[in-house]
PDB file of N, CA and C in Angstrom:
ATOM      1  N   MET A   1     128.437 129.493 178.408  1.00  0.00           N
ATOM      2  CA  MET A   1     128.860 129.749 177.066  1.00  0.00           C
ATOM      3  C   MET A   1     128.109 130.964 176.479  1.00  0.00           C
ATOM      4  N   ASN A   2     128.785 131.952 176.022  1.00  0.00           N
ATOM      5  CA  ASN A   2     128.192 133.124 175.477  1.00  0.00           C
ATOM      6  C   ASN A   2     128.173 133.061 173.952  1.00  0.00           C
ATOM      7  N   LEU A   3     127.185 132.482 173.309  1.00  0.00           N
ATOM      8  CA  LEU A   3     127.164 132.238 171.886  1.00  0.00           C
ATOM      9  C   LEU A   3     127.171 133.470 171.062  1.00  0.00           C
ATOM     10  N   LYS A   4     126.527 134.590 171.491  1.00  0.00           N
ATOM     11  CA  LYS A   4     126.473 135.809 170.727  1.00  0.00           C
ATOM     12  C   LYS A   4     127.902 136.346 170.582  1.00  0.00           C
ATOM     13  N   THR A   5     128.637 136.371 171.636  1.00  0.00           N
ATOM     14  CA  THR A   5     130.051 136.876 171.577  1.00  0.00           C
ATOM     15  C   THR A   5     130.889 135.986 170.616  1.00  0.00           C
ATOM     16  N   GLU A   6     130.723 134.664 170.690  1.00  0.00           N
ATOM     17  CA  GLU A   6     131.460 133.788 169.780  1.00  0.00           C
ATOM     18  C   GLU A   6     131.098 134.027 168.351  1.00  0.00           C
ATOM     19  N   TRP A   7     129.778 134.255 167.985  1.00  0.00           N
ATOM     20  CA  TRP A   7     129.407 134.516 166.642  1.00  0.00           C
ATOM     21  C   TRP A   7     129.911 135.846 166.186  1.00  0.00           C
ATOM     22  N   ASP A   8     129.953 136.843 167.088  1.00  0.00           N
ATOM     23  CA  ASP A   8     130.502 138.076 166.759  1.00  0.00           C
ATOM     24  C   ASP A   8     131.993 138.075 166.424  1.00  0.00           C
ATOM     25  N   THR A   9     132.685 137.287 167.228  1.00  0.00           N
ATOM     26  CA  THR A   9     134.143 137.027 166.916  1.00  0.00           C
ATOM     27  C   THR A   9     134.349 136.349 165.615  1.00  0.00           C
ATOM     28  N   LEU A  10     133.592 135.330 165.340  1.00  0.00           N
ATOM     29  CA  LEU A  10     133.720 134.613 164.051  1.00  0.00           C
ATOM     30  C   LEU A  10     133.352 135.535 162.925  1.00  0.00           C
ATOM     31  N   ARG A  11     132.338 136.331 163.054  1.00  0.00           N
ATOM     32  CA  ARG A  11     131.942 137.308 161.927  1.00  0.00           C
ATOM     33  C   ARG A  11     133.085 138.286 161.687  1.00  0.00           C
ATOM     34  N   ARG A  12     133.709 138.803 162.768  1.00  0.00           N
ATOM     35  CA  ARG A  12     134.826 139.778 162.618  1.00  0.00           C
ATOM     36  C   ARG A  12     136.021 139.043 161.893  1.00  0.00           C
ATOM     37  N   ARG A  13     136.332 137.838 162.271  1.00  0.00           N
ATOM     38  CA  ARG A  13     137.440 137.154 161.625  1.00  0.00           C
ATOM     39  C   ARG A  13     137.202 136.880 160.173  1.00  0.00           C
ATOM     40  N   ILE A  14     135.959 136.463 159.800  1.00  0.00           N
ATOM     41  CA  ILE A  14     135.658 136.278 158.418  1.00  0.00           C
ATOM     42  C   ILE A  14     135.732 137.610 157.637  1.00  0.00           C
ATOM     43  N   GLU A  15     135.210 138.663 158.214  1.00  0.00           N
ATOM     44  CA  GLU A  15     135.224 139.967 157.617  1.00  0.00           C
ATOM     45  C   GLU A  15     136.628 140.447 157.340  1.00  0.00           C
ATOM     46  N   GLU A  16     137.518 140.194 158.297  1.00  0.00           N
ATOM     47  CA  GLU A  16     138.967 140.549 158.137  1.00  0.00           C
ATOM     48  C   GLU A  16     139.588 139.787 157.004  1.00  0.00           C
ATOM     49  N   VAL A  17     139.228 138.565 156.767  1.00  0.00           N
ATOM     50  CA  VAL A  17     139.778 137.739 155.666  1.00  0.00           C
ATOM     51  C   VAL A  17     139.352 138.259 154.380  1.00  0.00           C
ATOM     52  N   PHE A  18     137.993 138.546 154.269  1.00  0.00           N
ATOM     53  CA  PHE A  18     137.470 138.944 152.972  1.00  0.00           C
ATOM     54  C   PHE A  18     137.643 140.441 152.689  1.00  0.00           C
ATOM     55  N   HIS A  19     137.732 141.260 153.712  1.00  0.00           N
ATOM     56  CA  HIS A  19     137.913 142.703 153.623  1.00  0.00           C
ATOM     57  C   HIS A  19     139.022 143.234 154.453  1.00  0.00           C
ATOM     58  N   PRO A  20     140.204 142.962 154.135  1.00  0.00           N
ATOM     59  CA  PRO A  20     141.417 143.331 154.952  1.00  0.00           C
ATOM     60  C   PRO A  20     141.507 144.893 154.974  1.00  0.00           C
ATOM     61  N   ALA A  21     142.202 145.444 155.969  1.00  0.00           N
ATOM     62  CA  ALA A  21     142.394 146.877 156.128  1.00  0.00           C
ATOM     63  C   ALA A  21     143.036 147.453 154.901  1.00  0.00           C
ATOM     64  N   SER A  22     143.911 146.718 154.218  1.00  0.00           N
ATOM     65  CA  SER A  22     144.692 147.184 153.097  1.00  0.00           C
ATOM     66  C   SER A  22     143.772 147.161 151.723  1.00  0.00           C
ATOM     67  N   HIS A  23     142.538 146.697 151.907  1.00  0.00           N
ATOM     68  CA  HIS A  23     141.676 146.517 150.728  1.00  0.00           C
ATOM     69  C   HIS A  23     141.534 147.806 149.953  1.00  0.00           C
ATOM     70  N   HIS A  24     141.501 148.985 150.579  1.00  0.00           N
ATOM     71  CA  HIS A  24     141.237 150.193 149.890  1.00  0.00           C
ATOM     72  C   HIS A  24     142.520 150.919 149.468  1.00  0.00           C
ATOM     73  N   GLU A  25     143.615 150.394 149.782  1.00  0.00           N
ATOM     74  CA  GLU A  25     144.904 150.961 149.461  1.00  0.00           C
ATOM     75  C   GLU A  25     145.390 150.591 148.051  1.00  0.00           C
ATOM     76  N   SER A  26     146.190 151.324 147.422  1.00  0.00           N
ATOM     77  CA  SER A  26     146.622 150.796 146.084  1.00  0.00           C
ATOM     78  C   SER A  26     147.744 149.774 146.261  1.00  0.00           C
ATOM     79  N   GLY A  27     147.881 148.938 145.205  1.00  0.00           N
ATOM     80  CA  GLY A  27     148.771 147.865 145.192  1.00  0.00           C
ATOM     81  C   GLY A  27     150.227 148.403 145.150  1.00  0.00           C
ATOM     82  N   ALA A  28     151.156 147.406 145.181  1.00  0.00           N
ATOM     83  CA  ALA A  28     152.604 147.762 145.237  1.00  0.00           C
ATOM     84  C   ALA A  28     153.053 148.363 143.915  1.00  0.00           C
ATOM     85  N   ASP A  29     152.279 148.067 142.847  1.00  0.00           N
ATOM     86  CA  ASP A  29     152.667 148.601 141.515  1.00  0.00           C
ATOM     87  C   ASP A  29     151.917 149.947 141.237  1.00  0.00           C
ATOM     88  N   GLY A  30     151.154 150.460 142.219  1.00  0.00           N
ATOM     89  CA  GLY A  30     150.474 151.673 142.048  1.00  0.00           C
ATOM     90  C   GLY A  30     149.063 151.547 141.534  1.00  0.00           C
ATOM     91  N   SER A  31     148.610 150.332 141.147  1.00  0.00           N
ATOM     92  CA  SER A  31     147.277 150.164 140.618  1.00  0.00           C
ATOM     93  C   SER A  31     146.322 149.999 141.813  1.00  0.00           C
ATOM     94  N   ALA A  32     145.087 150.395 141.599  1.00  0.00           N
ATOM     95  CA  ALA A  32     144.044 150.285 142.602  1.00  0.00           C
ATOM     96  C   ALA A  32     143.627 148.893 142.829  1.00  0.00           C
ATOM     97  N   GLN A  33     143.150 148.514 144.080  1.00  0.00           N
ATOM     98  CA  GLN A  33     142.691 147.189 144.419  1.00  0.00           C
ATOM     99  C   GLN A  33     141.394 147.011 143.652  1.00  0.00           C
ATOM    100  N   ASP A  34     140.979 145.711 143.499  1.00  0.00           N
ATOM    101  CA  ASP A  34     139.781 145.350 142.934  1.00  0.00           C
ATOM    102  C   ASP A  34     138.669 145.601 143.943  1.00  0.00           C
ATOM    103  N   GLU A  35     137.717 146.386 143.630  1.00  0.00           N
ATOM    104  CA  GLU A  35     136.622 146.855 144.549  1.00  0.00           C
ATOM    105  C   GLU A  35     135.344 146.081 144.374  1.00  0.00           C
ATOM    106  N   ARG A  36     135.345 145.005 143.594  1.00  0.00           N
ATOM    107  CA  ARG A  36     134.116 144.228 143.344  1.00  0.00           C
ATOM    108  C   ARG A  36     133.799 143.433 144.613  1.00  0.00           C
ATOM    109  N   GLU A  37     132.437 143.141 144.734  1.00  0.00           N
ATOM    110  CA  GLU A  37     131.993 142.361 145.854  1.00  0.00           C
ATOM    111  C   GLU A  37     132.453 140.876 145.754  1.00  0.00           C
ATOM    112  N   TRP A  38     132.782 140.284 146.889  1.00  0.00           N
ATOM    113  CA  TRP A  38     133.133 138.848 146.909  1.00  0.00           C
ATOM    114  C   TRP A  38     131.844 138.018 147.017  1.00  0.00           C
ATOM    115  N   VAL A  39     131.828 136.912 146.254  1.00  0.00           N
ATOM    116  CA  VAL A  39     130.727 135.936 146.381  1.00  0.00           C
ATOM    117  C   VAL A  39     131.355 134.539 146.607  1.00  0.00           C
ATOM    118  N   VAL A  40     130.922 133.900 147.677  1.00  0.00           N
ATOM    119  CA  VAL A  40     131.457 132.584 147.961  1.00  0.00           C
ATOM    120  C   VAL A  40     130.667 131.530 147.206  1.00  0.00           C
ATOM    121  N   ILE A  41     131.399 130.772 146.368  1.00  0.00           N
ATOM    122  CA  ILE A  41     130.700 129.742 145.553  1.00  0.00           C
ATOM    123  C   ILE A  41     131.218 128.411 145.995  1.00  0.00           C
ATOM    124  N   TYR A  42     130.253 127.487 146.178  1.00  0.00           N
ATOM    125  CA  TYR A  42     130.624 126.148 146.645  1.00  0.00           C
ATOM    126  C   TYR A  42     130.037 125.062 145.844  1.00  0.00           C
ATOM    127  N   ARG A  43     130.645 123.940 145.830  1.00  0.00           N
ATOM    128  CA  ARG A  43     130.201 122.782 145.072  1.00  0.00           C
ATOM    129  C   ARG A  43     129.108 122.069 145.757  1.00  0.00           C
ATOM    130  N   THR A  44     128.087 121.685 145.002  1.00  0.00           N
ATOM    131  CA  THR A  44     127.001 120.790 145.512  1.00  0.00           C
ATOM    132  C   THR A  44     126.964 119.485 144.755  1.00  0.00           C
ATOM    133  N   ALA A  45     126.087 118.557 145.135  1.00  0.00           N
ATOM    134  CA  ALA A  45     125.969 117.248 144.484  1.00  0.00           C
ATOM    135  C   ALA A  45     125.562 117.448 143.003  1.00  0.00           C
ATOM    136  N   THR A  46     124.914 118.527 142.610  1.00  0.00           N
ATOM    137  CA  THR A  46     124.485 118.665 141.248  1.00  0.00           C
ATOM    138  C   THR A  46     125.063 119.798 140.493  1.00  0.00           C
ATOM    139  N   GLY A  47     126.053 120.440 141.066  1.00  0.00           N
ATOM    140  CA  GLY A  47     126.699 121.605 140.424  1.00  0.00           C
ATOM    141  C   GLY A  47     127.364 122.522 141.383  1.00  0.00           C
ATOM    142  N   PHE A  48     127.046 123.719 141.256  1.00  0.00           N
ATOM    143  CA  PHE A  48     127.539 124.832 142.150  1.00  0.00           C
ATOM    144  C   PHE A  48     126.442 125.735 142.694  1.00  0.00           C
ATOM    145  N   CYS A  49     126.659 126.402 143.815  1.00  0.00           N
ATOM    146  CA  CYS A  49     125.688 127.310 144.398  1.00  0.00           C
ATOM    147  C   CYS A  49     126.383 128.434 145.040  1.00  0.00           C
ATOM    148  N   CYS A  50     125.645 129.541 145.225  1.00  0.00           N
ATOM    149  CA  CYS A  50     126.181 130.639 146.012  1.00  0.00           C
ATOM    150  C   CYS A  50     124.952 131.448 146.504  1.00  0.00           C
ATOM    151  N   MET A  51     125.136 132.323 147.473  1.00  0.00           N
ATOM    152  CA  MET A  51     124.154 133.235 147.998  1.00  0.00           C
ATOM    153  C   MET A  51     124.529 134.620 147.468  1.00  0.00           C
ATOM    154  N   TYR A  52     123.628 135.242 146.828  1.00  0.00           N
ATOM    155  CA  TYR A  52     123.880 136.591 146.311  1.00  0.00           C
ATOM    156  C   TYR A  52     122.679 137.497 146.643  1.00  0.00           C
ATOM    157  N   LYS A  53     122.940 138.431 147.514  1.00  0.00           N
ATOM    158  CA  LYS A  53     121.969 139.449 148.004  1.00  0.00           C
ATOM    159  C   LYS A  53     120.816 138.710 148.695  1.00  0.00           C
ATOM    160  N   GLY A  54     121.143 137.665 149.457  1.00  0.00           N
ATOM    161  CA  GLY A  54     120.166 136.900 150.249  1.00  0.00           C
ATOM    162  C   GLY A  54     119.378 135.893 149.504  1.00  0.00           C
ATOM    163  N   LEU A  55     119.696 135.655 148.225  1.00  0.00           N
ATOM    164  CA  LEU A  55     118.994 134.614 147.436  1.00  0.00           C
ATOM    165  C   LEU A  55     119.983 133.640 146.945  1.00  0.00           C
ATOM    166  N   PRO A  56     119.626 132.322 146.911  1.00  0.00           N
ATOM    167  CA  PRO A  56     120.454 131.207 146.404  1.00  0.00           C
ATOM    168  C   PRO A  56     120.532 131.331 144.897  1.00  0.00           C
ATOM    169  N   VAL A  57     121.645 131.089 144.392  1.00  0.00           N
ATOM    170  CA  VAL A  57     121.838 131.038 142.924  1.00  0.00           C
ATOM    171  C   VAL A  57     122.548 129.708 142.599  1.00  0.00           C
ATOM    172  N   ASN A  58     121.916 128.895 141.787  1.00  0.00           N
ATOM    173  CA  ASN A  58     122.403 127.586 141.456  1.00  0.00           C
ATOM    174  C   ASN A  58     122.970 127.496 140.011  1.00  0.00           C
ATOM    175  N   PHE A  59     123.981 126.754 139.831  1.00  0.00           N
ATOM    176  CA  PHE A  59     124.635 126.664 138.508  1.00  0.00           C
ATOM    177  C   PHE A  59     124.888 125.160 138.227  1.00  0.00           C
ATOM    178  N   GLU A  60     124.770 124.825 136.928  1.00  0.00           N
ATOM    179  CA  GLU A  60     124.963 123.438 136.579  1.00  0.00           C
ATOM    180  C   GLU A  60     126.449 123.060 136.393  1.00  0.00           C
ATOM    181  N   ASP A  61     127.257 124.009 135.842  1.00  0.00           N
ATOM    182  CA  ASP A  61     128.613 123.679 135.683  1.00  0.00           C
ATOM    183  C   ASP A  61     129.460 124.962 135.841  1.00  0.00           C
ATOM    184  N   MET A  62     130.809 124.805 135.764  1.00  0.00           N
ATOM    185  CA  MET A  62     131.789 125.900 135.997  1.00  0.00           C
ATOM    186  C   MET A  62     131.651 127.031 135.027  1.00  0.00           C
ATOM    187  N   LEU A  63     131.270 126.685 133.738  1.00  0.00           N
ATOM    188  CA  LEU A  63     131.039 127.675 132.776  1.00  0.00           C
ATOM    189  C   LEU A  63     129.953 128.641 133.128  1.00  0.00           C
ATOM    190  N   ASP A  64     128.840 128.140 133.692  1.00  0.00           N
ATOM    191  CA  ASP A  64     127.740 128.920 134.135  1.00  0.00           C
ATOM    192  C   ASP A  64     128.222 129.929 135.217  1.00  0.00           C
ATOM    193  N   VAL A  65     129.036 129.360 136.156  1.00  0.00           N
ATOM    194  CA  VAL A  65     129.597 130.232 137.214  1.00  0.00           C
ATOM    195  C   VAL A  65     130.425 131.363 136.626  1.00  0.00           C
ATOM    196  N   GLN A  66     131.307 131.065 135.753  1.00  0.00           N
ATOM    197  CA  GLN A  66     132.128 132.108 135.138  1.00  0.00           C
ATOM    198  C   GLN A  66     131.348 133.155 134.394  1.00  0.00           C
ATOM    199  N   ILE A  67     130.377 132.720 133.611  1.00  0.00           N
ATOM    200  CA  ILE A  67     129.569 133.661 132.874  1.00  0.00           C
ATOM    201  C   ILE A  67     128.830 134.571 133.857  1.00  0.00           C
ATOM    202  N   TRP A  68     128.190 133.967 134.947  1.00  0.00           N
ATOM    203  CA  TRP A  68     127.377 134.753 135.871  1.00  0.00           C
ATOM    204  C   TRP A  68     128.291 135.794 136.594  1.00  0.00           C
ATOM    205  N   THR A  69     129.422 135.350 136.964  1.00  0.00           N
ATOM    206  CA  THR A  69     130.384 136.318 137.792  1.00  0.00           C
ATOM    207  C   THR A  69     130.757 137.488 136.818  1.00  0.00           C
ATOM    208  N   GLU A  70     130.995 137.245 135.563  1.00  0.00           N
ATOM    209  CA  GLU A  70     131.320 138.259 134.578  1.00  0.00           C
ATOM    210  C   GLU A  70     130.112 139.274 134.463  1.00  0.00           C
ATOM    211  N   GLU A  71     128.879 138.694 134.362  1.00  0.00           N
ATOM    212  CA  GLU A  71     127.762 139.464 134.161  1.00  0.00           C
ATOM    213  C   GLU A  71     127.364 140.296 135.325  1.00  0.00           C
ATOM    214  N   MET A  72     127.498 139.746 136.524  1.00  0.00           N
ATOM    215  CA  MET A  72     127.194 140.422 137.828  1.00  0.00           C
ATOM    216  C   MET A  72     128.328 141.268 138.355  1.00  0.00           C
ATOM    217  N   ASP A  73     129.506 141.204 137.700  1.00  0.00           N
ATOM    218  CA  ASP A  73     130.653 141.954 138.019  1.00  0.00           C
ATOM    219  C   ASP A  73     131.052 141.744 139.515  1.00  0.00           C
ATOM    220  N   VAL A  74     131.237 140.460 139.941  1.00  0.00           N
ATOM    221  CA  VAL A  74     131.624 140.104 141.303  1.00  0.00           C
ATOM    222  C   VAL A  74     132.837 139.224 141.197  1.00  0.00           C
ATOM    223  N   ARG A  75     133.527 139.129 142.394  1.00  0.00           N
ATOM    224  CA  ARG A  75     134.692 138.323 142.462  1.00  0.00           C
ATOM    225  C   ARG A  75     134.371 136.969 143.140  1.00  0.00           C
ATOM    226  N   PRO A  76     134.516 135.841 142.459  1.00  0.00           N
ATOM    227  CA  PRO A  76     134.146 134.544 143.028  1.00  0.00           C
ATOM    228  C   PRO A  76     135.277 134.030 143.994  1.00  0.00           C
ATOM    229  N   TYR A  77     134.838 133.461 145.079  1.00  0.00           N
ATOM    230  CA  TYR A  77     135.788 132.801 146.043  1.00  0.00           C
ATOM    231  C   TYR A  77     135.215 131.393 146.098  1.00  0.00           C
ATOM    232  N   PHE A  78     135.969 130.461 145.607  1.00  0.00           N
ATOM    233  CA  PHE A  78     135.499 128.999 145.551  1.00  0.00           C
ATOM    234  C   PHE A  78     135.919 128.308 146.837  1.00  0.00           C
ATOM    235  N   MET A  79     134.898 127.625 147.451  1.00  0.00           N
ATOM    236  CA  MET A  79     135.126 126.861 148.702  1.00  0.00           C
ATOM    237  C   MET A  79     134.827 125.403 148.400  1.00  0.00           C
ATOM    238  N   GLY A  80     135.698 124.520 148.946  1.00  0.00           N
ATOM    239  CA  GLY A  80     135.358 123.140 148.862  1.00  0.00           C
ATOM    240  C   GLY A  80     135.669 122.459 147.444  1.00  0.00           C
ATOM    241  N   LEU A  81     136.426 123.113 146.724  1.00  0.00           N
ATOM    242  CA  LEU A  81     136.705 122.500 145.409  1.00  0.00           C
ATOM    243  C   LEU A  81     138.006 121.721 145.408  1.00  0.00           C
TER     244      LEU A  81
END
C-alpha cells in the first residue's frame, strides 16, 4: 500500500472540489466569481471550530461564526451540520 500516493490523490480531489478550474472565470451573468478564501467550519460538542492559517478558532454559537467570517472576509463551508 502506497500511502503517500493515496494522500496525494485525496488532496487533489479535495482541492478540485474547493477550487474548481472555473473558479477564476466569470459567472453566467458576467459577474466575477467570489475570490475569498474558503474556511471549513464544523460543529463541536461546545459550539463550532475551524482552522484558519494553521491555528484553531473556536466559536460559542452561529452568530460568532457569522461575525468572524464577515470580519476576516472568508467564505464559510459548514461540515457536519
